[in-house]
Amino acid sequence: MPIRLLALDLDGTLLNSRGELSERNLEAINGARTLGVRVALVTGRRFRDVRPLALELGLDVPVISHNGALTKHARTLETVSVALLPLEAAREVLRVGRSTGADALVSDDPEGAGVLVYDHMSDNNAALAKYIAWSRRIHGDEAEEAIRRVESLEIYLNHAPVHITFSGQMARMKSLEERLQSELACSVKILGTFYPKMDFALLDVLHPEVSKGVGVRAAAHEQGIEREEVMAIGDNFNDLEMLEYAGTSVLMGNAEDSLREQLKNLACCHATATNDEDGVALAIEKFILMRVSSVGGQGSEEERF
């Protein structure tokens, strides 16, 4: 069956290691759209952070953000679906995080463009400081609406948020992930995004039924598109369920070996080049535009598990 919906992860996938969209990736996306393929951005980023790119690209499918917890139209802010983290679970997540000294970020405001709320940032969490500075910069005049520091998250959390995030060094985040899994069991979904080269990890804690796969399935259903007509491209563990759902799935060349191992028996899963080698464009060219493209060396479009 022809591909009618293209689901694209952002960081480590569509965007290169500098956080930029390459010209070749853009041309491939535009080529796919010319053929009638609908394109959805599917990301762990909060809606407000990905909205500018969606508006720039003029995409016709709602943005699937917060790892599938919130799906909204970029232009109108109309909410298609939302699954909030239950209040009691959110309070427990914050308690466990506090007990380990982890920095918590609360994503909120599902009705609007979104707000990031925090009350503390450790001196040694340089990556978090960099992210907050980046977020303030990209939102410009809206920075005060986009990011808010409060006196206490415990006081602030009197309602269900979209999700809670922790970030830091990989070993510390893996330890926190184990603790959250042990104490909160099935009451939440914990999605880890790991960047070994930077010794950095994100832990997103969400409603237990949330995933990128759920978000893509809902988007496909809304568009009247069958699973076999969906192509998904990703690079990290929070992309796993999306890749398993899609009729055609593509794993980036920069993905971790352990994720590659989990997907090796998935017949519909293919490998492409890294995000710095236009792996997304290569996959679109091969599976949608139907023309032969190749790159030299490791990570060519012909590589498979």
Protein backbone atom coordinates (compact mmCIF):
# COMPACT_ATOMS: atom_id res chain seq x y z
CA MET A 1 0.00 0.00 0.00
CA PRO A 2 1.26 3.54 -0.70
CA ILE A 3 2.33 5.68 2.22
CA ARG A 4 -0.21 8.40 3.04
CA LEU A 5 1.01 9.59 6.46
CA LEU A 6 4.62 10.35 7.39
CA ALA A 7 5.30 10.61 11.13
CA LEU A 8 8.59 12.32 11.96
CA ASP A 9 10.42 12.57 15.25
CA LEU A 10 12.40 15.79 15.61
CA ASP A 11 15.54 15.70 17.76
CA GLY A 12 18.04 13.15 16.50
CA THR A 13 15.85 12.45 13.48
CA LEU A 14 14.51 15.29 11.32
CA LEU A 15 16.87 17.84 12.89
CA ASN A 16 20.64 17.47 12.73
CA SER A 17 22.96 17.58 15.75
CA ARG A 18 22.86 21.40 15.62
CA GLY A 19 19.08 21.38 15.84
CA GLU A 20 18.69 22.46 12.21
CA LEU A 21 16.47 21.25 9.37
CA SER A 22 18.67 20.51 6.36
CA GLU A 23 17.75 21.62 2.87
CA ARG A 24 17.68 18.04 1.61
CA ASN A 25 15.28 16.95 4.37
CA LEU A 26 13.06 19.92 3.61
CA GLU A 27 13.04 19.17 -0.11
CA ALA A 28 12.16 15.53 0.58
CA ILE A 29 9.27 16.51 2.86
CA ASN A 30 7.95 18.95 0.28
CA GLY A 31 8.27 16.29 -2.39
CA ALA A 32 6.25 13.85 -0.31
CA ARG A 33 3.56 16.45 0.34
CA THR A 34 3.36 17.18 -3.38
CA LEU A 35 2.41 13.52 -3.83
CA GLY A 36 -0.40 13.92 -1.29
CA VAL A 37 1.40 12.45 1.73
CA ARG A 38 0.40 14.09 5.01
CA VAL A 39 3.21 14.91 7.42
CA ALA A 40 3.00 14.90 11.22
CA LEU A 41 5.65 16.04 13.68
CA VAL A 42 5.75 13.57 16.57
CA THR A 43 7.94 14.71 19.41
CA GLY A 44 8.76 14.57 23.09
CA ARG A 45 9.03 18.35 22.98
CA ARG A 46 6.24 20.39 24.45
CA PHE A 47 3.75 21.86 22.00
CA ARG A 48 4.92 25.46 22.34
CA ASP A 49 8.52 24.51 21.47
CA VAL A 50 7.60 22.64 18.28
CA ARG A 51 4.81 24.94 17.12
CA PRO A 52 7.13 27.44 15.32
CA LEU A 53 8.55 24.69 13.08
CA ALA A 54 5.08 23.30 12.33
CA LEU A 55 3.90 26.78 11.34
CA GLU A 56 7.00 27.35 9.23
CA LEU A 57 6.42 24.10 7.35
CA GLY A 58 2.69 24.75 7.04
CA LEU A 59 1.84 21.17 7.99
CA ASP A 60 -1.74 19.97 7.58
CA VAL A 61 -1.73 17.41 10.41
CA PRO A 62 -1.96 18.39 14.09
CA VAL A 63 1.29 18.35 16.06
CA ILE A 64 1.69 15.25 18.25
CA SER A 65 3.65 16.64 21.20
CA HIS A 66 4.65 15.67 24.75
CA ASN A 67 5.32 12.10 23.53
CA GLY A 68 1.68 11.77 22.46
CA ALA A 69 0.04 13.32 25.52
CA LEU A 70 -1.14 16.42 23.64
CA THR A 71 -2.18 16.73 20.00
CA LYS A 72 -3.05 20.22 18.76
CA HIS A 73 -3.37 22.23 15.60
CA ALA A 74 -0.39 24.58 15.34
CA ARG A 75 -2.26 27.47 13.75
CA THR A 76 -5.58 27.51 15.64
CA LEU A 77 -4.45 25.92 18.94
CA GLU A 78 -7.44 23.61 18.67
CA THR A 79 -6.85 20.58 20.89
CA VAL A 80 -7.46 17.26 19.15
CA SER A 81 -6.66 15.02 22.12
CA VAL A 82 -5.07 15.28 25.53
CA ALA A 83 -4.25 12.77 28.28
CA LEU A 84 -3.20 14.60 31.43
CA LEU A 85 -1.03 13.09 34.15
CA PRO A 86 -3.46 12.42 37.05
CA LEU A 87 -2.93 14.83 39.94
CA GLU A 88 -2.21 12.24 42.63
CA ALA A 89 0.26 10.47 40.36
CA ALA A 90 1.92 13.80 39.54
CA ARG A 91 2.37 14.55 43.24
CA GLU A 92 3.92 11.12 43.78
CA VAL A 93 6.25 11.61 40.83
CA LEU A 94 7.39 14.92 42.30
CA ARG A 95 7.91 13.29 45.71
CA VAL A 96 10.12 10.54 44.29
CA GLY A 97 12.08 13.02 42.22
CA ARG A 98 12.64 15.29 45.21
CA SER A 99 13.93 12.37 47.27
CA THR A 100 16.73 11.85 44.74
CA GLY A 101 17.53 15.54 44.34
CA ALA A 102 16.41 15.60 40.71
CA ASP A 103 15.28 18.82 39.02
CA ALA A 104 11.63 18.72 37.95
CA LEU A 105 9.95 20.56 35.10
CA VAL A 106 6.14 20.62 34.89
CA SER A 107 4.52 21.03 31.46
CA ASP A 108 1.12 22.67 31.75
CA ASP A 109 -1.61 24.65 29.95
CA PRO A 110 -3.02 22.09 27.49
CA GLU A 111 -5.73 24.55 26.42
CA GLY A 112 -3.25 27.19 25.25
CA ALA A 113 0.22 27.19 23.74
CA GLY A 114 1.75 25.67 26.88
CA VAL A 115 3.86 26.75 29.83
CA LEU A 116 6.92 25.18 31.47
CA VAL A 117 7.00 25.54 35.25
CA TYR A 118 9.90 24.92 37.63
CA ASP A 119 11.01 26.02 41.08
CA HIS A 120 14.65 24.94 41.30
CA MET A 121 17.64 24.24 39.06
CA SER A 122 20.75 22.51 40.41
CA ASP A 123 24.05 24.30 39.88
CA ASN A 124 25.54 21.25 38.15
CA ASN A 125 22.68 20.71 35.71
CA ALA A 126 24.20 22.65 32.83
CA ALA A 127 22.02 20.95 30.21
CA LEU A 128 18.84 22.09 31.95
CA ALA A 129 20.13 25.66 32.24
CA LYS A 130 20.98 25.58 28.53
CA TYR A 131 17.51 24.29 27.65
CA ILE A 132 15.72 26.96 29.67
CA ALA A 133 17.88 29.66 28.11
CA TRP A 134 17.19 28.25 24.62
CA SER A 135 13.47 28.12 25.27
CA ARG A 136 13.38 31.70 26.47
CA ARG A 137 15.34 32.78 23.41
CA ILE A 138 13.16 31.08 20.79
CA HIS A 139 9.95 32.42 22.31
CA GLY A 140 11.17 36.00 22.43
CA ASP A 141 8.39 38.31 23.57
CA GLU A 142 6.39 35.30 24.76
CA ALA A 143 9.19 34.04 27.03
CA GLU A 144 7.43 35.08 30.23
CA GLU A 145 4.33 33.18 29.13
CA ALA A 146 6.35 30.17 27.98
CA ILE A 147 8.47 29.59 31.10
CA ARG A 148 7.54 30.37 34.67
CA ARG A 149 9.50 29.93 37.87
CA VAL A 150 7.37 29.44 40.97
CA GLU A 151 8.20 29.28 44.64
CA SER A 152 7.07 25.69 45.07
CA LEU A 153 5.91 23.03 42.62
CA GLU A 154 4.17 21.26 45.49
CA ILE A 155 1.95 24.31 45.94
CA TYR A 156 1.57 24.88 42.20
CA LEU A 157 0.41 21.31 41.54
CA ASN A 158 -3.26 21.62 42.47
CA HIS A 159 -4.43 20.27 39.09
CA ALA A 160 -3.41 17.60 36.57
CA PRO A 161 -0.48 18.72 34.36
CA VAL A 162 0.43 17.45 30.90
CA HIS A 163 3.60 15.77 32.13
CA ILE A 164 6.64 16.04 34.40
CA THR A 165 10.22 15.86 33.16
CA PHE A 166 13.52 15.18 34.89
CA SER A 167 16.90 15.64 33.25
CA GLY A 168 20.55 15.06 34.05
CA GLN A 169 23.46 12.66 33.65
CA MET A 170 22.56 9.23 32.28
CA ALA A 171 23.52 7.16 35.31
CA ARG A 172 21.52 9.39 37.62
CA MET A 173 18.48 9.39 35.36
CA LYS A 174 18.56 5.62 34.92
CA SER A 175 18.62 5.26 38.69
CA LEU A 176 15.65 7.60 39.00
CA GLU A 177 13.82 5.71 36.27
CA GLU A 178 14.23 2.46 38.21
CA ARG A 179 12.99 4.14 41.37
CA LEU A 180 9.92 5.58 39.64
CA GLN A 181 9.13 2.22 38.04
CA SER A 182 9.47 0.47 41.39
CA GLU A 183 7.32 2.86 43.42
CA LEU A 184 4.68 3.99 40.92
CA ALA A 185 4.21 0.77 38.96
CA CYS A 186 1.35 1.10 36.46
CA SER A 187 0.10 4.53 37.56
CA VAL A 188 2.36 6.40 35.09
CA LYS A 189 4.23 5.95 31.80
CA ILE A 190 7.97 6.68 31.97
CA LEU A 191 9.73 7.42 28.70
CA GLY A 192 13.48 7.85 28.60
CA THR A 193 15.43 9.70 25.93
CA PHE A 194 19.16 9.05 26.18
CA TYR A 195 22.11 10.80 24.54
CA PRO A 196 25.24 8.80 25.45
CA LYS A 197 27.66 11.09 23.61
CA MET A 198 26.55 13.98 25.82
CA ASP A 199 26.02 11.87 28.97
CA PHE A 200 22.57 13.38 29.14
CA ALA A 201 19.09 11.91 29.56
CA LEU A 202 15.48 13.05 29.81
CA LEU A 203 12.78 11.23 31.74
CA ASP A 204 9.24 12.16 30.76
CA VAL A 205 6.52 10.96 33.12
CA LEU A 206 3.05 10.87 31.59
CA HIS A 207 -0.41 9.38 31.75
CA PRO A 208 0.02 5.57 31.72
CA GLU A 209 -1.70 5.11 28.35
CA VAL A 210 0.29 7.78 26.49
CA SER A 211 2.88 7.10 23.78
CA LYS A 212 3.91 8.41 20.38
CA GLY A 213 2.37 5.27 18.93
CA VAL A 214 -1.01 6.13 20.43
CA GLY A 215 -0.71 9.67 19.05
CA VAL A 216 0.15 8.51 15.54
CA ARG A 217 -2.65 5.96 15.57
CA ALA A 218 -5.14 8.68 16.55
CA ALA A 219 -3.85 11.00 13.83
CA ALA A 220 -4.09 8.25 11.23
CA HIS A 221 -7.65 7.42 12.31
CA GLU A 222 -8.65 11.08 12.09
CA GLN A 223 -7.30 11.23 8.53
CA GLY A 224 -8.91 7.93 7.50
CA ILE A 225 -5.50 6.32 7.00
CA GLU A 226 -4.74 2.66 7.61
CA ARG A 227 -1.78 1.49 9.70
CA GLU A 228 -0.16 -0.03 6.62
CA GLU A 229 -0.18 3.43 5.00
CA VAL A 230 1.85 5.02 7.82
CA MET A 231 5.62 5.54 7.74
CA ALA A 232 7.40 6.55 10.95
CA ILE A 233 11.01 7.63 11.43
CA GLY A 234 12.72 7.90 14.84
CA ASP A 235 15.95 7.44 16.76
CA ASN A 236 15.29 6.95 20.45
CA PHE A 237 13.44 4.84 23.01
CA ASN A 238 10.45 7.16 23.16
CA ASP A 239 9.94 6.38 19.45
CA LEU A 240 9.66 2.63 20.02
CA GLU A 241 5.87 2.28 20.09
CA MET A 242 5.50 4.60 17.09
CA LEU A 243 7.98 2.50 15.10
CA GLU A 244 6.21 -0.70 16.13
CA TYR A 245 2.84 0.72 15.05
CA ALA A 246 3.77 2.01 11.59
CA GLY A 247 3.41 -0.13 8.49
CA THR A 248 6.84 1.13 7.43
CA SER A 249 9.25 2.17 10.16
CA VAL A 250 12.76 3.57 9.81
CA LEU A 251 15.41 3.77 12.52
CA MET A 252 18.07 6.43 12.27
CA GLY A 253 21.73 5.48 11.98
CA ASN A 254 22.50 7.41 15.19
CA ALA A 255 20.13 5.25 17.27
CA GLU A 256 21.55 3.30 20.21
CA ASP A 257 22.47 -0.34 19.60
CA SER A 258 20.11 -1.46 22.38
CA LEU A 259 17.14 0.11 20.55
CA ARG A 260 18.31 -1.47 17.31
CA GLU A 261 18.37 -4.81 19.09
CA GLN A 262 14.76 -4.40 20.26
CA LEU A 263 13.61 -3.75 16.71
CA LYS A 264 15.70 -6.31 14.85
CA ASN A 265 12.84 -8.79 14.54
CA LEU A 266 10.34 -6.20 13.31
CA ALA A 267 9.95 -7.10 9.63
CA CYS A 268 8.72 -3.66 8.58
CA CYS A 269 11.63 -1.79 10.20
CA HIS A 270 14.47 -0.45 8.07
CA ALA A 271 17.64 1.49 8.82
CA THR A 272 18.82 4.75 7.32
CA ALA A 273 21.72 7.17 7.71
CA THR A 274 22.27 9.43 10.72
CA ASN A 275 20.55 12.75 11.33
CA ASP A 276 23.73 14.52 10.18
CA GLU A 277 23.66 12.54 6.92
CA ASP A 278 20.08 13.40 5.92
CA GLY A 279 18.77 10.00 6.94
CA VAL A 280 15.18 11.27 6.82
CA ALA A 281 15.55 12.47 3.23
CA LEU A 282 17.09 9.15 2.19
CA ALA A 283 14.17 7.23 3.68
CA ILE A 284 11.57 9.50 2.06
CA GLU A 285 13.33 9.23 -1.29
CA LYS A 286 13.42 5.46 -1.08
CA PHE A 287 9.98 4.65 0.31
CA ILE A 288 7.87 7.59 -0.90
CA LEU A 289 9.48 9.38 -3.80
CA MET A 290 10.47 6.02 -5.27
CA ARG A 291 13.84 7.02 -6.60
CA VAL A 292 17.20 5.51 -5.79
CA SER A 293 19.46 7.54 -3.51
CA SER A 294 22.62 6.51 -1.76
CA VAL A 295 25.24 7.81 0.59
CA GLY A 296 28.71 6.46 0.92
CA GLY A 297 30.02 4.63 3.89
CA GLN A 298 28.28 3.57 7.06
CA GLY A 299 24.56 4.21 7.39
CA SER A 300 23.57 4.03 3.74
CA GLU A 301 19.90 3.72 2.82
CA GLU A 302 20.39 0.07 1.90
CA GLU A 303 21.51 -0.89 5.39
CA ARG A 304 19.14 -3.19 7.30
CA PHE A 305 19.19 -4.89 10.66
